[in-house]
Amino acid sequence: MSPHTPGPWQVKPTTARWHPSNSTGDLIVAGPQIIGEIWLGGNREANARLIAAAPEMYELLNLLRDADFKDVGLRSNLFDLANQARALLAKVRGEA
């Protein structure tokens, strides 16, 4: 797999009128670079937040994959990973 555009990715609402539907939408951006565009659908904002969280979800999955579950300090590691997951879910849900 080729590397993805590094995060953080953010959702930026736009009112650009160059889209064929002539509607408002959400851009997913990494700094000045547009990663994606969401224009239509009742779940537009939720979809944009989920896509924007992709780099953070990828990193968290890597941490879980690499966790040493035989480690004596596992409880602390799992507590930290669970807190990261809760924060990320709140962000995706638009609660953060």
PDB file of N, CA and C in Angstrom:
ATOM      1  N   MET A   1       0.841  -1.176   0.000  1.00  0.00           N
ATOM      2  CA  MET A   1       0.000   0.000   0.000  1.00  0.00           C
ATOM      3  C   MET A   1       0.888   1.241   0.000  1.00  0.00           C
ATOM      4  N   SER A   2       0.540   2.183  -0.829  1.00  0.00           N
ATOM      5  CA  SER A   2       1.310   3.420  -0.853  1.00  0.00           C
ATOM      6  C   SER A   2       0.907   4.282   0.341  1.00  0.00           C
ATOM      7  N   PRO A   3       1.807   5.128   0.824  1.00  0.00           N
ATOM      8  CA  PRO A   3       1.493   5.950   1.989  1.00  0.00           C
ATOM      9  C   PRO A   3       0.380   6.954   1.677  1.00  0.00           C
ATOM     10  N   HIS A   4      -0.424   7.199   2.676  1.00  0.00           N
ATOM     11  CA  HIS A   4      -1.508   8.182   2.507  1.00  0.00           C
ATOM     12  C   HIS A   4      -0.993   9.575   2.855  1.00  0.00           C
ATOM     13  N   THR A   5      -1.771  10.571   2.515  1.00  0.00           N
ATOM     14  CA  THR A   5      -1.442  11.947   2.879  1.00  0.00           C
ATOM     15  C   THR A   5      -1.452  12.049   4.394  1.00  0.00           C
ATOM     16  N   PRO A   6      -0.386  12.541   5.007  1.00  0.00           N
ATOM     17  CA  PRO A   6      -0.337  12.621   6.471  1.00  0.00           C
ATOM     18  C   PRO A   6      -1.449  13.503   7.033  1.00  0.00           C
ATOM     19  N   GLY A   7      -1.888  13.156   8.225  1.00  0.00           N
ATOM     20  CA  GLY A   7      -2.892  13.944   8.937  1.00  0.00           C
ATOM     21  C   GLY A   7      -2.233  15.107   9.645  1.00  0.00           C
ATOM     22  N   PRO A   8      -2.956  15.919  10.343  1.00  0.00           N
ATOM     23  CA  PRO A   8      -4.388  15.734  10.524  1.00  0.00           C
ATOM     24  C   PRO A   8      -5.183  16.199   9.311  1.00  0.00           C
ATOM     25  N   TRP A   9      -6.301  15.516   9.093  1.00  0.00           N
ATOM     26  CA  TRP A   9      -7.255  15.931   8.082  1.00  0.00           C
ATOM     27  C   TRP A   9      -8.377  16.661   8.804  1.00  0.00           C
ATOM     28  N   GLN A  10      -8.932  17.662   8.163  1.00  0.00           N
ATOM     29  CA  GLN A  10     -10.004  18.458   8.767  1.00  0.00           C
ATOM     30  C   GLN A  10     -11.152  18.629   7.790  1.00  0.00           C
ATOM     31  N   VAL A  11     -12.331  18.864   8.346  1.00  0.00           N
ATOM     32  CA  VAL A  11     -13.517  19.161   7.547  1.00  0.00           C
ATOM     33  C   VAL A  11     -13.659  20.672   7.457  1.00  0.00           C
ATOM     34  N   LYS A  12     -13.788  21.157   6.243  1.00  0.00           N
ATOM     35  CA  LYS A  12     -13.982  22.592   6.009  1.00  0.00           C
ATOM     36  C   LYS A  12     -15.249  22.778   5.171  1.00  0.00           C
ATOM     37  N   PRO A  13     -16.304  23.361   5.742  1.00  0.00           N
ATOM     38  CA  PRO A  13     -17.500  23.640   4.943  1.00  0.00           C
ATOM     39  C   PRO A  13     -17.169  24.612   3.814  1.00  0.00           C
ATOM     40  N   THR A  14     -17.839  24.446   2.701  1.00  0.00           N
ATOM     41  CA  THR A  14     -17.615  25.340   1.571  1.00  0.00           C
ATOM     42  C   THR A  14     -18.945  25.697   0.925  1.00  0.00           C
ATOM     43  N   THR A  15     -19.005  26.870   0.385  1.00  0.00           N
ATOM     44  CA  THR A  15     -20.195  27.314  -0.347  1.00  0.00           C
ATOM     45  C   THR A  15     -19.853  27.543  -1.813  1.00  0.00           C
ATOM     46  N   ALA A  16     -18.762  26.906  -2.264  1.00  0.00           N
ATOM     47  CA  ALA A  16     -18.359  27.070  -3.662  1.00  0.00           C
ATOM     48  C   ALA A  16     -19.518  26.675  -4.584  1.00  0.00           C
ATOM     49  N   ARG A  17     -19.683  27.408  -5.623  1.00  0.00           N
ATOM     50  CA  ARG A  17     -20.797  27.141  -6.538  1.00  0.00           C
ATOM     51  C   ARG A  17     -20.338  26.525  -7.856  1.00  0.00           C
ATOM     52  N   TRP A  18     -19.136  25.983  -7.884  1.00  0.00           N
ATOM     53  CA  TRP A  18     -18.652  25.386  -9.125  1.00  0.00           C
ATOM     54  C   TRP A  18     -19.032  23.917  -9.235  1.00  0.00           C
ATOM     55  N   HIS A  19     -19.624  23.354  -8.167  1.00  0.00           N
ATOM     56  CA  HIS A  19     -20.039  21.962  -8.217  1.00  0.00           C
ATOM     57  C   HIS A  19     -21.296  21.830  -9.076  1.00  0.00           C
ATOM     58  N   PRO A  20     -21.420  20.745  -9.860  1.00  0.00           N
ATOM     59  CA  PRO A  20     -22.587  20.600 -10.749  1.00  0.00           C
ATOM     60  C   PRO A  20     -23.935  20.706 -10.041  1.00  0.00           C
ATOM     61  N   SER A  21     -24.013  20.284  -8.773  1.00  0.00           N
ATOM     62  CA  SER A  21     -25.296  20.361  -8.073  1.00  0.00           C
ATOM     63  C   SER A  21     -25.592  21.775  -7.579  1.00  0.00           C
ATOM     64  N   ASN A  22     -24.604  22.682  -7.732  1.00  0.00           N
ATOM     65  CA  ASN A  22     -24.736  24.063  -7.283  1.00  0.00           C
ATOM     66  C   ASN A  22     -25.125  24.132  -5.800  1.00  0.00           C
ATOM     67  N   SER A  23     -24.580  23.196  -5.024  1.00  0.00           N
ATOM     68  CA  SER A  23     -24.919  23.129  -3.606  1.00  0.00           C
ATOM     69  C   SER A  23     -23.699  23.428  -2.744  1.00  0.00           C
ATOM     70  N   THR A  24     -23.943  23.556  -1.446  1.00  0.00           N
ATOM     71  CA  THR A  24     -22.835  23.683  -0.503  1.00  0.00           C
ATOM     72  C   THR A  24     -22.316  22.283  -0.189  1.00  0.00           C
ATOM     73  N   GLY A  25     -21.115  22.220   0.348  1.00  0.00           N
ATOM     74  CA  GLY A  25     -20.538  20.927   0.650  1.00  0.00           C
ATOM     75  C   GLY A  25     -19.483  21.028   1.725  1.00  0.00           C
ATOM     76  N   ASP A  26     -18.786  19.927   1.922  1.00  0.00           N
ATOM     77  CA  ASP A  26     -17.692  19.863   2.883  1.00  0.00           C
ATOM     78  C   ASP A  26     -16.448  19.372   2.157  1.00  0.00           C
ATOM     79  N   LEU A  27     -15.329  20.026   2.443  1.00  0.00           N
ATOM     80  CA  LEU A  27     -14.047  19.589   1.911  1.00  0.00           C
ATOM     81  C   LEU A  27     -13.286  18.896   3.030  1.00  0.00           C
ATOM     82  N   ILE A  28     -12.550  17.851   2.702  1.00  0.00           N
ATOM     83  CA  ILE A  28     -11.636  17.219   3.644  1.00  0.00           C
ATOM     84  C   ILE A  28     -10.260  17.679   3.212  1.00  0.00           C
ATOM     85  N   VAL A  29      -9.552  18.371   4.118  1.00  0.00           N
ATOM     86  CA  VAL A  29      -8.278  18.989   3.762  1.00  0.00           C
ATOM     87  C   VAL A  29      -7.175  18.556   4.719  1.00  0.00           C
ATOM     88  N   ALA A  30      -5.968  18.533   4.187  1.00  0.00           N
ATOM     89  CA  ALA A  30      -4.747  18.354   4.976  1.00  0.00           C
ATOM     90  C   ALA A  30      -3.906  19.584   4.682  1.00  0.00           C
ATOM     91  N   GLY A  31      -3.969  20.559   5.593  1.00  0.00           N
ATOM     92  CA  GLY A  31      -3.313  21.833   5.319  1.00  0.00           C
ATOM     93  C   GLY A  31      -4.001  22.480   4.128  1.00  0.00           C
ATOM     94  N   PRO A  32      -3.236  22.877   3.105  1.00  0.00           N
ATOM     95  CA  PRO A  32      -3.850  23.497   1.939  1.00  0.00           C
ATOM     96  C   PRO A  32      -4.345  22.488   0.897  1.00  0.00           C
ATOM     97  N   GLN A  33      -4.048  21.207   1.101  1.00  0.00           N
ATOM     98  CA  GLN A  33      -4.377  20.187   0.103  1.00  0.00           C
ATOM     99  C   GLN A  33      -5.780  19.620   0.324  1.00  0.00           C
ATOM    100  N   ILE A  34      -6.598  19.596  -0.723  1.00  0.00           N
ATOM    101  CA  ILE A  34      -7.922  18.987  -0.647  1.00  0.00           C
ATOM    102  C   ILE A  34      -7.762  17.481  -0.822  1.00  0.00           C
ATOM    103  N   ILE A  35      -8.251  16.716   0.157  1.00  0.00           N
ATOM    104  CA  ILE A  35      -8.188  15.256   0.124  1.00  0.00           C
ATOM    105  C   ILE A  35      -9.447  14.693  -0.508  1.00  0.00           C
ATOM    106  N   GLY A  36     -10.593  15.313  -0.207  1.00  0.00           N
ATOM    107  CA  GLY A  36     -11.859  14.825  -0.737  1.00  0.00           C
ATOM    108  C   GLY A  36     -12.930  15.890  -0.626  1.00  0.00           C
ATOM    109  N   GLU A  37     -14.057  15.598  -1.282  1.00  0.00           N
ATOM    110  CA  GLU A  37     -15.186  16.515  -1.290  1.00  0.00           C
ATOM    111  C   GLU A  37     -16.462  15.720  -1.053  1.00  0.00           C
ATOM    112  N   ILE A  38     -17.325  16.229  -0.193  1.00  0.00           N
ATOM    113  CA  ILE A  38     -18.623  15.625   0.053  1.00  0.00           C
ATOM    114  C   ILE A  38     -19.664  16.687  -0.278  1.00  0.00           C
ATOM    115  N   TRP A  39     -20.537  16.402  -1.240  1.00  0.00           N
ATOM    116  CA  TRP A  39     -21.476  17.427  -1.686  1.00  0.00           C
ATOM    117  C   TRP A  39     -22.931  17.085  -1.429  1.00  0.00           C
ATOM    118  N   LEU A  40     -23.301  15.833  -1.549  1.00  0.00           N
ATOM    119  CA  LEU A  40     -24.712  15.492  -1.505  1.00  0.00           C
ATOM    120  C   LEU A  40     -25.010  14.477  -0.413  1.00  0.00           C
ATOM    121  N   GLY A  41     -26.262  14.390  -0.018  1.00  0.00           N
ATOM    122  CA  GLY A  41     -26.698  13.363   0.915  1.00  0.00           C
ATOM    123  C   GLY A  41     -27.005  13.906   2.286  1.00  0.00           C
ATOM    124  N   GLY A  42     -27.964  13.282   2.924  1.00  0.00           N
ATOM    125  CA  GLY A  42     -28.376  13.694   4.247  1.00  0.00           C
ATOM    126  C   GLY A  42     -27.316  13.447   5.306  1.00  0.00           C
ATOM    127  N   ASN A  43     -26.367  12.569   5.014  1.00  0.00           N
ATOM    128  CA  ASN A  43     -25.311  12.247   5.970  1.00  0.00           C
ATOM    129  C   ASN A  43     -23.992  12.920   5.602  1.00  0.00           C
ATOM    130  N   ARG A  44     -24.068  13.982   4.829  1.00  0.00           N
ATOM    131  CA  ARG A  44     -22.863  14.626   4.302  1.00  0.00           C
ATOM    132  C   ARG A  44     -21.863  14.991   5.399  1.00  0.00           C
ATOM    133  N   GLU A  45     -22.307  15.677   6.445  1.00  0.00           N
ATOM    134  CA  GLU A  45     -21.384  16.113   7.493  1.00  0.00           C
ATOM    135  C   GLU A  45     -20.799  14.927   8.256  1.00  0.00           C
ATOM    136  N   ALA A  46     -21.630  13.938   8.576  1.00  0.00           N
ATOM    137  CA  ALA A  46     -21.143  12.749   9.291  1.00  0.00           C
ATOM    138  C   ALA A  46     -20.138  11.990   8.433  1.00  0.00           C
ATOM    139  N   ASN A  47     -20.399  11.869   7.147  1.00  0.00           N
ATOM    140  CA  ASN A  47     -19.458  11.194   6.250  1.00  0.00           C
ATOM    141  C   ASN A  47     -18.132  11.941   6.188  1.00  0.00           C
ATOM    142  N   ALA A  48     -18.197  13.260   6.127  1.00  0.00           N
ATOM    143  CA  ALA A  48     -16.971  14.067   6.062  1.00  0.00           C
ATOM    144  C   ALA A  48     -16.147  13.897   7.339  1.00  0.00           C
ATOM    145  N   ARG A  49     -16.801  13.897   8.500  1.00  0.00           N
ATOM    146  CA  ARG A  49     -16.069  13.704   9.764  1.00  0.00           C
ATOM    147  C   ARG A  49     -15.414  12.332   9.818  1.00  0.00           C
ATOM    148  N   LEU A  50     -16.125  11.306   9.349  1.00  0.00           N
ATOM    149  CA  LEU A  50     -15.569   9.952   9.356  1.00  0.00           C
ATOM    150  C   LEU A  50     -14.351   9.854   8.445  1.00  0.00           C
ATOM    151  N   ILE A  51     -14.446  10.422   7.254  1.00  0.00           N
ATOM    152  CA  ILE A  51     -13.316  10.400   6.323  1.00  0.00           C
ATOM    153  C   ILE A  51     -12.137  11.187   6.898  1.00  0.00           C
ATOM    154  N   ALA A  52     -12.415  12.342   7.502  1.00  0.00           N
ATOM    155  CA  ALA A  52     -11.345  13.175   8.048  1.00  0.00           C
ATOM    156  C   ALA A  52     -10.609  12.483   9.197  1.00  0.00           C
ATOM    157  N   ALA A  53     -11.278  11.572   9.883  1.00  0.00           N
ATOM    158  CA  ALA A  53     -10.653  10.854  11.005  1.00  0.00           C
ATOM    159  C   ALA A  53      -9.815   9.655  10.549  1.00  0.00           C
ATOM    160  N   ALA A  54      -9.808   9.352   9.260  1.00  0.00           N
ATOM    161  CA  ALA A  54      -9.118   8.160   8.757  1.00  0.00           C
ATOM    162  C   ALA A  54      -7.648   8.062   9.180  1.00  0.00           C
ATOM    163  N   PRO A  55      -6.839   9.111   9.072  1.00  0.00           N
ATOM    164  CA  PRO A  55      -5.435   8.964   9.482  1.00  0.00           C
ATOM    165  C   PRO A  55      -5.283   8.621  10.964  1.00  0.00           C
ATOM    166  N   GLU A  56      -6.124   9.218  11.809  1.00  0.00           N
ATOM    167  CA  GLU A  56      -6.039   8.928  13.242  1.00  0.00           C
ATOM    168  C   GLU A  56      -6.506   7.505  13.539  1.00  0.00           C
ATOM    169  N   MET A  57      -7.543   7.040  12.835  1.00  0.00           N
ATOM    170  CA  MET A  57      -8.002   5.664  13.017  1.00  0.00           C
ATOM    171  C   MET A  57      -6.920   4.682  12.583  1.00  0.00           C
ATOM    172  N   TYR A  58      -6.257   4.995  11.492  1.00  0.00           N
ATOM    173  CA  TYR A  58      -5.171   4.147  10.987  1.00  0.00           C
ATOM    174  C   TYR A  58      -4.055   4.029  12.026  1.00  0.00           C
ATOM    175  N   GLU A  59      -3.669   5.159  12.620  1.00  0.00           N
ATOM    176  CA  GLU A  59      -2.611   5.144  13.633  1.00  0.00           C
ATOM    177  C   GLU A  59      -3.041   4.355  14.870  1.00  0.00           C
ATOM    178  N   LEU A  60      -4.289   4.518  15.290  1.00  0.00           N
ATOM    179  CA  LEU A  60      -4.774   3.791  16.460  1.00  0.00           C
ATOM    180  C   LEU A  60      -4.809   2.288  16.180  1.00  0.00           C
ATOM    181  N   LEU A  61      -5.219   1.901  14.998  1.00  0.00           N
ATOM    182  CA  LEU A  61      -5.209   0.471  14.644  1.00  0.00           C
ATOM    183  C   LEU A  61      -3.791  -0.081  14.644  1.00  0.00           C
ATOM    184  N   ASN A  62      -2.845   0.706  14.185  1.00  0.00           N
ATOM    185  CA  ASN A  62      -1.441   0.265  14.237  1.00  0.00           C
ATOM    186  C   ASN A  62      -0.975   0.087  15.676  1.00  0.00           C
ATOM    187  N   LEU A  63      -1.363   1.006  16.569  1.00  0.00           N
ATOM    188  CA  LEU A  63      -0.997   0.872  17.978  1.00  0.00           C
ATOM    189  C   LEU A  63      -1.597  -0.398  18.580  1.00  0.00           C
ATOM    190  N   LEU A  64      -2.855  -0.682  18.256  1.00  0.00           N
ATOM    191  CA  LEU A  64      -3.497  -1.896  18.763  1.00  0.00           C
ATOM    192  C   LEU A  64      -2.822  -3.146  18.203  1.00  0.00           C
ATOM    193  N   ARG A  65      -2.505  -3.104  16.928  1.00  0.00           N
ATOM    194  CA  ARG A  65      -1.850  -4.248  16.302  1.00  0.00           C
ATOM    195  C   ARG A  65      -0.506  -4.535  16.950  1.00  0.00           C
ATOM    196  N   ASP A  66       0.229  -3.497  17.289  1.00  0.00           N
ATOM    197  CA  ASP A  66       1.582  -3.653  17.818  1.00  0.00           C
ATOM    198  C   ASP A  66       1.642  -3.768  19.341  1.00  0.00           C
ATOM    199  N   ALA A  67       0.477  -3.686  20.012  1.00  0.00           N
ATOM    200  CA  ALA A  67       0.475  -3.741  21.478  1.00  0.00           C
ATOM    201  C   ALA A  67       0.980  -5.108  21.945  1.00  0.00           C
ATOM    202  N   ASP A  68       1.817  -5.079  22.952  1.00  0.00           N
ATOM    203  CA  ASP A  68       2.349  -6.312  23.538  1.00  0.00           C
ATOM    204  C   ASP A  68       1.416  -6.731  24.663  1.00  0.00           C
ATOM    205  N   PHE A  69       0.490  -7.640  24.370  1.00  0.00           N
ATOM    206  CA  PHE A  69      -0.515  -8.037  25.342  1.00  0.00           C
ATOM    207  C   PHE A  69       0.050  -8.926  26.441  1.00  0.00           C
ATOM    208  N   LYS A  70       1.320  -9.274  26.352  1.00  0.00           N
ATOM    209  CA  LYS A  70       1.967 -10.061  27.404  1.00  0.00           C
ATOM    210  C   LYS A  70       2.704  -9.148  28.385  1.00  0.00           C
ATOM    211  N   ASP A  71       2.764  -7.874  28.048  1.00  0.00           N
ATOM    212  CA  ASP A  71       3.481  -6.889  28.861  1.00  0.00           C
ATOM    213  C   ASP A  71       2.794  -6.698  30.214  1.00  0.00           C
ATOM    214  N   VAL A  72       3.577  -6.586  31.265  1.00  0.00           N
ATOM    215  CA  VAL A  72       3.047  -6.375  32.613  1.00  0.00           C
ATOM    216  C   VAL A  72       2.296  -5.052  32.705  1.00  0.00           C
ATOM    217  N   GLY A  73       2.728  -4.045  31.979  1.00  0.00           N
ATOM    218  CA  GLY A  73       2.083  -2.730  32.003  1.00  0.00           C
ATOM    219  C   GLY A  73       0.898  -2.633  31.059  1.00  0.00           C
ATOM    220  N   LEU A  74       0.336  -3.765  30.691  1.00  0.00           N
ATOM    221  CA  LEU A  74      -0.739  -3.788  29.704  1.00  0.00           C
ATOM    222  C   LEU A  74      -1.947  -2.954  30.124  1.00  0.00           C
ATOM    223  N   ARG A  75      -2.342  -3.001  31.377  1.00  0.00           N
ATOM    224  CA  ARG A  75      -3.525  -2.255  31.810  1.00  0.00           C
ATOM    225  C   ARG A  75      -3.380  -0.774  31.502  1.00  0.00           C
ATOM    226  N   SER A  76      -2.217  -0.227  31.757  1.00  0.00           N
ATOM    227  CA  SER A  76      -1.971   1.185  31.468  1.00  0.00           C
ATOM    228  C   SER A  76      -2.042   1.434  29.968  1.00  0.00           C
ATOM    229  N   ASN A  77      -1.435   0.549  29.181  1.00  0.00           N
ATOM    230  CA  ASN A  77      -1.460   0.699  27.722  1.00  0.00           C
ATOM    231  C   ASN A  77      -2.892   0.627  27.195  1.00  0.00           C
ATOM    232  N   LEU A  78      -3.663  -0.341  27.661  1.00  0.00           N
ATOM    233  CA  LEU A  78      -5.043  -0.487  27.199  1.00  0.00           C
ATOM    234  C   LEU A  78      -5.897   0.706  27.617  1.00  0.00           C
ATOM    235  N   PHE A  79      -5.653   1.222  28.822  1.00  0.00           N
ATOM    236  CA  PHE A  79      -6.381   2.398  29.290  1.00  0.00           C
ATOM    237  C   PHE A  79      -6.109   3.577  28.365  1.00  0.00           C
ATOM    238  N   ASP A  80      -4.846   3.787  28.017  1.00  0.00           N
ATOM    239  CA  ASP A  80      -4.482   4.883  27.114  1.00  0.00           C
ATOM    240  C   ASP A  80      -5.097   4.691  25.725  1.00  0.00           C
ATOM    241  N   LEU A  81      -5.034   3.465  25.202  1.00  0.00           N
ATOM    242  CA  LEU A  81      -5.599   3.185  23.881  1.00  0.00           C
ATOM    243  C   LEU A  81      -7.115   3.365  23.893  1.00  0.00           C
ATOM    244  N   ALA A  82      -7.765   2.935  24.958  1.00  0.00           N
ATOM    245  CA  ALA A  82      -9.218   3.092  25.068  1.00  0.00           C
ATOM    246  C   ALA A  82      -9.589   4.574  25.118  1.00  0.00           C
ATOM    247  N   ASN A  83      -8.818   5.375  25.837  1.00  0.00           N
ATOM    248  CA  ASN A  83      -9.081   6.823  25.884  1.00  0.00           C
ATOM    249  C   ASN A  83      -8.889   7.460  24.512  1.00  0.00           C
ATOM    250  N   GLN A  84      -7.876   7.034  23.784  1.00  0.00           N
ATOM    251  CA  GLN A  84      -7.668   7.550  22.423  1.00  0.00           C
ATOM    252  C   GLN A  84      -8.850   7.180  21.529  1.00  0.00           C
ATOM    253  N   ALA A  85      -9.332   5.950  21.670  1.00  0.00           N
ATOM    254  CA  ALA A  85     -10.473   5.499  20.867  1.00  0.00           C
ATOM    255  C   ALA A  85     -11.724   6.305  21.215  1.00  0.00           C
ATOM    256  N   ARG A  86     -11.969   6.564  22.509  1.00  0.00           N
ATOM    257  CA  ARG A  86     -13.131   7.361  22.916  1.00  0.00           C
ATOM    258  C   ARG A  86     -13.061   8.778  22.340  1.00  0.00           C
ATOM    259  N   ALA A  87     -11.900   9.386  22.401  1.00  0.00           N
ATOM    260  CA  ALA A  87     -11.729  10.744  21.869  1.00  0.00           C
ATOM    261  C   ALA A  87     -11.941  10.765  20.360  1.00  0.00           C
ATOM    262  N   LEU A  88     -11.439   9.761  19.689  1.00  0.00           N
ATOM    263  CA  LEU A  88     -11.590   9.693  18.233  1.00  0.00           C
ATOM    264  C   LEU A  88     -13.059   9.482  17.848  1.00  0.00           C
ATOM    265  N   LEU A  89     -13.767   8.615  18.569  1.00  0.00           N
ATOM    266  CA  LEU A  89     -15.194   8.403  18.293  1.00  0.00           C
ATOM    267  C   LEU A  89     -15.993   9.684  18.535  1.00  0.00           C
ATOM    268  N   ALA A  90     -15.667  10.416  19.582  1.00  0.00           N
ATOM    269  CA  ALA A  90     -16.362  11.685  19.837  1.00  0.00           C
ATOM    270  C   ALA A  90     -16.134  12.662  18.691  1.00  0.00           C
ATOM    271  N   LYS A  91     -14.923  12.672  18.165  1.00  0.00           N
ATOM    272  CA  LYS A  91     -14.593  13.552  17.042  1.00  0.00           C
ATOM    273  C   LYS A  91     -15.410  13.157  15.802  1.00  0.00           C
ATOM    274  N   VAL A  92     -15.474  11.868  15.520  1.00  0.00           N
ATOM    275  CA  VAL A  92     -16.229  11.375  14.361  1.00  0.00           C
ATOM    276  C   VAL A  92     -17.706  11.694  14.517  1.00  0.00           C
ATOM    277  N   ARG A  93     -18.225  11.593  15.726  1.00  0.00           N
ATOM    278  CA  ARG A  93     -19.637  11.858  15.977  1.00  0.00           C
ATOM    279  C   ARG A  93     -19.960  13.351  16.027  1.00  0.00           C
ATOM    280  N   GLY A  94     -18.932  14.198  16.015  1.00  0.00           N
ATOM    281  CA  GLY A  94     -19.144  15.636  16.073  1.00  0.00           C
ATOM    282  C   GLY A  94     -19.371  16.139  17.483  1.00  0.00           C
ATOM    283  N   GLU A  95     -18.955  15.356  18.472  1.00  0.00           N
ATOM    284  CA  GLU A  95     -19.139  15.722  19.879  1.00  0.00           C
ATOM    285  C   GLU A  95     -17.920  16.424  20.462  1.00  0.00           C
ATOM    286  N   ALA A  96     -16.831  16.435  19.726  1.00  0.00           N
ATOM    287  CA  ALA A  96     -15.590  17.029  20.236  1.00  0.00           C
ATOM    288  C   ALA A  96     -15.327  18.364  19.594  1.00  0.00           C
TER     289      ALA A  96
END
